Protein backbone atom coordinates (compact mmCIF):
# COMPACT_ATOMS: atom_id res chain seq x y z
CA MET A 1 74.67 173.47 65.74
CA LEU A 2 77.58 171.47 66.97
CA THR A 3 80.45 171.11 64.52
CA LYS A 4 81.52 167.72 63.43
CA ARG A 5 85.14 166.63 64.40
CA ILE A 6 87.83 165.33 62.31
CA ILE A 7 90.33 163.23 64.41
CA PRO A 8 93.43 161.78 63.17
CA CYS A 9 94.53 158.48 64.98
CA LEU A 10 98.01 157.69 65.83
CA ASP A 11 98.39 154.00 66.37
CA VAL A 12 101.74 153.64 68.16
CA ASP A 13 103.95 150.37 68.81
CA ARG A 14 107.18 150.84 70.59
CA GLY A 15 107.35 154.53 70.16
CA ARG A 16 106.67 154.55 66.42
CA VAL A 17 103.37 155.39 64.61
CA VAL A 18 102.24 152.49 62.58
CA LYS A 19 99.22 151.42 60.25
CA GLY A 20 97.74 148.20 59.59
CA VAL A 21 94.82 146.66 57.87
CA LYS A 22 91.99 144.97 59.89
CA PHE A 23 94.49 145.37 62.83
CA PHE A 24 97.35 143.40 61.50
CA ASP A 25 100.19 143.68 58.86
CA HIS A 26 101.37 147.07 60.37
CA VAL A 27 103.92 149.34 58.51
CA ASP A 28 105.76 152.24 60.03
CA ALA A 29 104.16 155.66 59.47
CA GLY A 30 106.46 157.97 61.31
CA ASP A 31 107.24 159.62 64.45
CA PRO A 32 104.56 160.46 66.92
CA VAL A 33 105.67 163.87 67.83
CA GLU A 34 106.38 165.00 64.25
CA GLN A 35 102.80 163.44 63.28
CA ALA A 36 100.94 165.14 66.09
CA ARG A 37 102.53 168.51 65.26
CA ARG A 38 101.71 168.06 61.61
CA TYR A 39 97.97 167.40 62.33
CA GLN A 40 97.71 170.28 64.76
CA ASP A 41 99.03 172.71 62.05
CA GLY A 42 96.80 171.03 59.50
CA GLY A 43 93.67 171.76 61.48
CA ALA A 44 92.75 168.74 63.47
CA ASP A 45 90.09 169.05 65.95
CA GLU A 46 91.59 166.40 68.28
CA LEU A 47 94.14 163.66 68.36
CA VAL A 48 93.75 160.10 69.34
CA PHE A 49 96.85 158.25 70.62
CA TYR A 50 96.61 154.23 70.87
CA ASP A 51 99.38 152.10 72.28
CA ILE A 52 98.19 149.31 70.24
CA THR A 53 100.28 146.35 71.70
CA ALA A 54 100.12 147.57 75.51
CA SER A 55 97.07 145.30 76.41
CA PHE A 56 98.14 142.39 74.37
CA GLU A 57 101.67 142.52 75.95
CA GLY A 58 100.41 143.18 79.51
CA ARG A 59 102.34 146.25 79.81
CA GLN A 60 101.65 149.91 80.78
CA ILE A 61 101.02 152.53 78.24
CA MET A 62 103.99 154.93 77.64
CA ALA A 63 103.13 158.03 79.74
CA ASP A 64 106.47 159.58 78.93
CA LEU A 65 105.68 159.58 75.12
CA VAL A 66 102.41 160.95 75.93
CA ALA A 67 103.93 163.89 77.80
CA ARG A 68 106.39 164.43 74.91
CA VAL A 69 103.53 164.58 72.51
CA MET A 70 101.72 167.27 74.53
CA GLU A 71 104.74 169.46 74.93
CA ASN A 72 104.60 170.10 71.21
CA ILE A 73 100.61 170.37 70.71
CA PHE A 74 97.79 172.04 72.57
CA MET A 75 94.82 170.31 70.96
CA PRO A 76 92.76 167.68 72.86
CA LEU A 77 94.32 164.33 73.16
CA THR A 78 92.62 160.96 73.90
CA VAL A 79 94.97 158.17 74.84
CA GLY A 80 94.28 154.44 75.06
CA GLY A 81 95.91 151.19 75.30
CA GLY A 82 97.08 149.42 78.40
CA ILE A 83 94.97 151.24 80.83
CA ARG A 84 93.76 148.69 83.47
CA THR A 85 93.31 150.83 86.57
CA LEU A 86 92.17 154.16 87.80
CA ASP A 87 95.87 154.87 88.65
CA ASP A 88 96.91 154.11 85.01
CA ALA A 89 94.20 156.57 83.79
CA THR A 90 95.45 159.12 86.33
CA ARG A 91 98.97 158.99 85.08
CA LEU A 92 97.77 159.63 81.58
CA ILE A 93 95.70 162.75 82.55
CA GLN A 94 98.67 164.06 84.49
CA ALA A 95 100.75 163.48 81.48
CA GLY A 96 98.50 165.79 79.53
CA ALA A 97 95.80 163.64 77.94
CA GLU A 98 92.31 165.28 78.03
CA LYS A 99 90.45 161.94 77.69
CA VAL A 100 91.24 158.48 78.36
CA SER A 101 89.99 155.43 76.20
CA LEU A 102 89.18 152.24 77.98
CA ASN A 103 88.76 149.27 75.94
CA SER A 104 89.92 145.70 77.12
CA ALA A 105 90.04 146.65 80.77
CA ALA A 106 86.51 147.92 80.63
CA VAL A 107 85.09 144.66 79.21
CA ARG A 108 86.90 142.72 82.03
CA ASN A 109 86.15 145.19 84.81
CA PRO A 110 83.11 147.38 83.64
CA VAL A 111 83.10 149.37 86.86
CA LEU A 112 86.35 151.06 85.70
CA LEU A 113 84.36 153.32 83.58
CA GLY A 114 82.54 154.61 86.52
CA GLU A 115 85.67 154.96 88.46
CA VAL A 116 87.10 157.13 85.78
CA ALA A 117 84.09 159.12 85.21
CA ARG A 118 83.65 160.07 88.97
CA LYS A 119 87.16 161.26 89.33
CA PHE A 120 87.60 163.08 85.78
CA GLY A 121 84.08 163.50 84.57
CA ARG A 122 82.34 161.80 81.79
CA CYS A 123 83.73 163.94 79.23
CA ALA A 124 87.11 162.49 79.74
CA THR A 125 85.80 158.99 79.94
CA VAL A 126 85.96 157.19 76.46
CA LEU A 127 84.81 153.67 75.62
CA GLY A 128 87.17 152.31 72.87
CA LEU A 129 84.96 149.63 71.13
CA ASP A 130 86.60 147.24 68.73
CA ALA A 131 83.73 145.55 66.85
CA ASN A 132 83.74 142.75 64.27
CA ARG A 133 81.24 141.26 62.01
CA VAL A 134 81.24 137.60 62.95
CA HIS A 135 79.44 134.83 60.69
CA GLY A 136 78.44 131.57 62.46
CA ASP A 137 75.78 128.93 62.12
CA SER A 138 73.09 131.38 63.44
CA GLY A 139 74.15 134.08 60.93
CA GLU A 140 75.98 137.38 61.42
CA VAL A 141 76.57 138.98 64.77
CA TRP A 142 78.32 142.02 65.70
CA GLU A 143 80.81 141.12 68.30
CA VAL A 144 83.25 143.01 70.68
CA PHE A 145 86.81 142.09 70.52
CA VAL A 146 89.61 143.08 73.06
CA ASN A 147 93.43 142.71 73.23
CA GLY A 148 93.89 144.85 69.79
CA GLY A 149 91.40 142.79 68.16
CA ARG A 150 92.90 139.54 68.82
CA VAL A 151 90.32 137.99 71.37
CA PRO A 152 86.53 137.66 70.80
CA THR A 153 84.36 138.16 73.86
CA GLY A 154 80.97 136.80 72.78
CA ILE A 155 79.51 140.28 73.80
CA ARG A 156 77.13 141.87 71.35
CA VAL A 157 78.09 145.35 70.31
CA MET A 158 74.80 147.01 70.88
CA ASP A 159 74.44 145.53 74.42
CA TRP A 160 77.96 146.65 75.34
CA ALA A 161 77.48 150.32 73.93
CA LYS A 162 74.27 150.83 75.80
CA LYS A 163 75.74 149.32 79.12
CA ALA A 164 78.96 151.39 78.93
CA GLU A 165 76.84 154.59 78.53
CA SER A 166 74.94 153.69 81.64
CA LEU A 167 78.04 153.04 83.49
CA GLY A 168 79.68 156.36 82.81
CA ALA A 169 81.27 156.47 79.29
CA GLY A 170 80.78 160.01 77.92
CA GLU A 171 81.90 158.95 74.17
CA ILE A 172 82.31 155.73 72.34
CA VAL A 173 84.88 155.28 69.48
CA LEU A 174 83.43 152.63 67.45
CA ASN A 175 86.11 150.90 65.60
CA VAL A 176 84.69 148.33 62.97
CA MET A 177 87.53 145.87 62.39
CA ASN A 178 86.32 144.55 59.24
CA ALA A 179 86.68 147.99 57.69
CA ASP A 180 89.94 149.06 59.41
CA GLY A 181 92.77 150.26 57.35
CA THR A 182 90.87 148.97 54.06
CA THR A 183 90.19 152.63 53.00
CA ALA A 184 86.99 151.27 51.51
CA GLY A 185 84.68 153.31 53.65
CA TYR A 186 83.31 153.08 57.35
CA ASP A 187 80.74 150.72 58.23
CA LEU A 188 77.75 152.90 57.95
CA GLU A 189 75.03 150.51 59.16
CA MET A 190 76.86 149.58 62.42
CA THR A 191 77.87 153.29 63.09
CA ALA A 192 74.24 154.38 62.63
CA ALA A 193 72.86 151.64 64.69
CA VAL A 194 75.30 152.57 67.66
CA SER A 195 74.55 156.40 67.26
CA ASP A 196 70.86 155.69 67.36
CA ALA A 197 71.20 153.79 70.40
CA VAL A 198 73.09 155.86 72.76
CA LYS A 199 72.72 159.64 73.84
CA ILE A 200 76.48 160.25 73.98
CA PRO A 201 78.80 161.22 71.04
CA VAL A 202 79.89 158.33 68.73
CA VAL A 203 83.16 158.70 66.85
CA ALA A 204 83.33 156.49 63.85
CA SER A 205 86.62 154.66 63.03
CA GLY A 206 87.80 152.38 60.43
CA GLY A 207 87.82 152.50 56.68
CA ALA A 208 88.21 156.01 55.67
CA GLY A 209 89.79 156.38 52.31
CA SER A 210 88.33 159.57 50.89
CA PRO A 211 86.41 162.72 51.89
CA GLN A 212 83.26 161.13 50.62
CA HIS A 213 83.53 158.29 53.09
CA ILE A 214 83.91 160.76 55.97
CA LEU A 215 80.87 162.87 54.60
CA ASP A 216 78.81 159.50 54.46
CA VAL A 217 79.73 158.40 57.99
CA LEU A 218 78.73 161.90 59.42
CA THR A 219 75.41 162.06 57.74
CA THR A 220 74.22 158.48 56.78
CA GLY A 221 76.22 156.93 59.64
CA ARG A 222 74.94 159.75 61.93
CA ALA A 223 78.33 159.86 63.58
CA ASP A 224 79.50 162.79 65.77
CA ALA A 225 82.90 162.76 64.43
CA ALA A 226 85.05 160.83 62.20
CA LEU A 227 88.55 159.21 63.10
CA ALA A 228 90.93 158.46 60.40
CA ALA A 229 94.51 157.43 59.89
CA SER A 230 95.82 156.00 56.58
CA ILE A 231 94.53 158.82 54.46
CA PHE A 232 96.13 161.34 56.57
CA HIS A 233 99.31 159.50 57.48
CA PHE A 234 100.30 158.83 53.90
CA ARG A 235 98.95 162.25 52.64
CA THR A 236 96.39 160.88 50.30
CA HIS A 237 94.14 163.74 51.60
CA SER A 238 94.93 166.48 54.06
CA ILE A 239 92.57 167.47 56.93
CA GLY A 240 91.88 170.86 55.18
CA ASP A 241 90.87 168.97 51.98
CA VAL A 242 88.33 166.93 54.11
CA LYS A 243 87.00 169.97 56.05
CA ARG A 244 86.41 172.18 52.85
CA PHE A 245 84.66 169.15 51.17
CA LEU A 246 82.41 168.67 54.17
CA ALA A 247 81.67 172.41 54.41
CA GLU A 248 80.61 172.42 50.74
CA HIS A 249 78.17 169.69 51.51
CA GLN A 250 76.58 171.78 54.38
CA VAL A 251 78.31 169.86 57.25
CA PRO A 252 79.31 172.19 59.99
CA VAL A 253 83.10 171.94 60.67
CA ARG A 254 85.69 174.29 62.07
CA LEU A 255 87.61 175.45 59.04
CA VAL A 256 91.35 176.74 59.35
């Protein structure tokens, strides 16, 4: 049986780790190299590194910072934010990233997913999907947002997840904006729906506040992995605590 992965997320803005609520009101959460080293020592299975303002500001992701992080860790790293071309993705892979996460650029230019998958393989091609529950006259819809959650697209979450898989995405990181940073729990309904709709792994993101929340999203939410930030950055719970809790509840994890 495949083990479930626990993945800390480093949201980086101008070289510092930050953490916000529902994508905004960010506070400083430390140095990315120090945080990455701490998570590796703590037993993280992978690390996700997002340059959260690169797309919005129209600049390239900081490949030099990625290289500096990778000089200090040896666990798999997924990097996203500001990737607009195959050359951008190539620079990050060359800097040491194992996977690249495409979000805004993939919505605007879906063939980019296929280009990256053909060059580096599906396993290196991740769709970052920022989803929001939007209420309108016709009721609630699950909508895809871009530019760090600032811009609605009118695209339905389920449609985009299926299309991205068909284009070459080998994994989806589903970040539900309504839950992001709240520590009130993941969106189990949306996570389960996306997990059931595609055959590729789905990483749940947004809302982790306790080991129970992570257990819920890996079981009820049927996610293949759980991404979390606040509970680890601010040391509410350790990765070891979470993994021991999961193991006690018969969820297969890699213990350290």
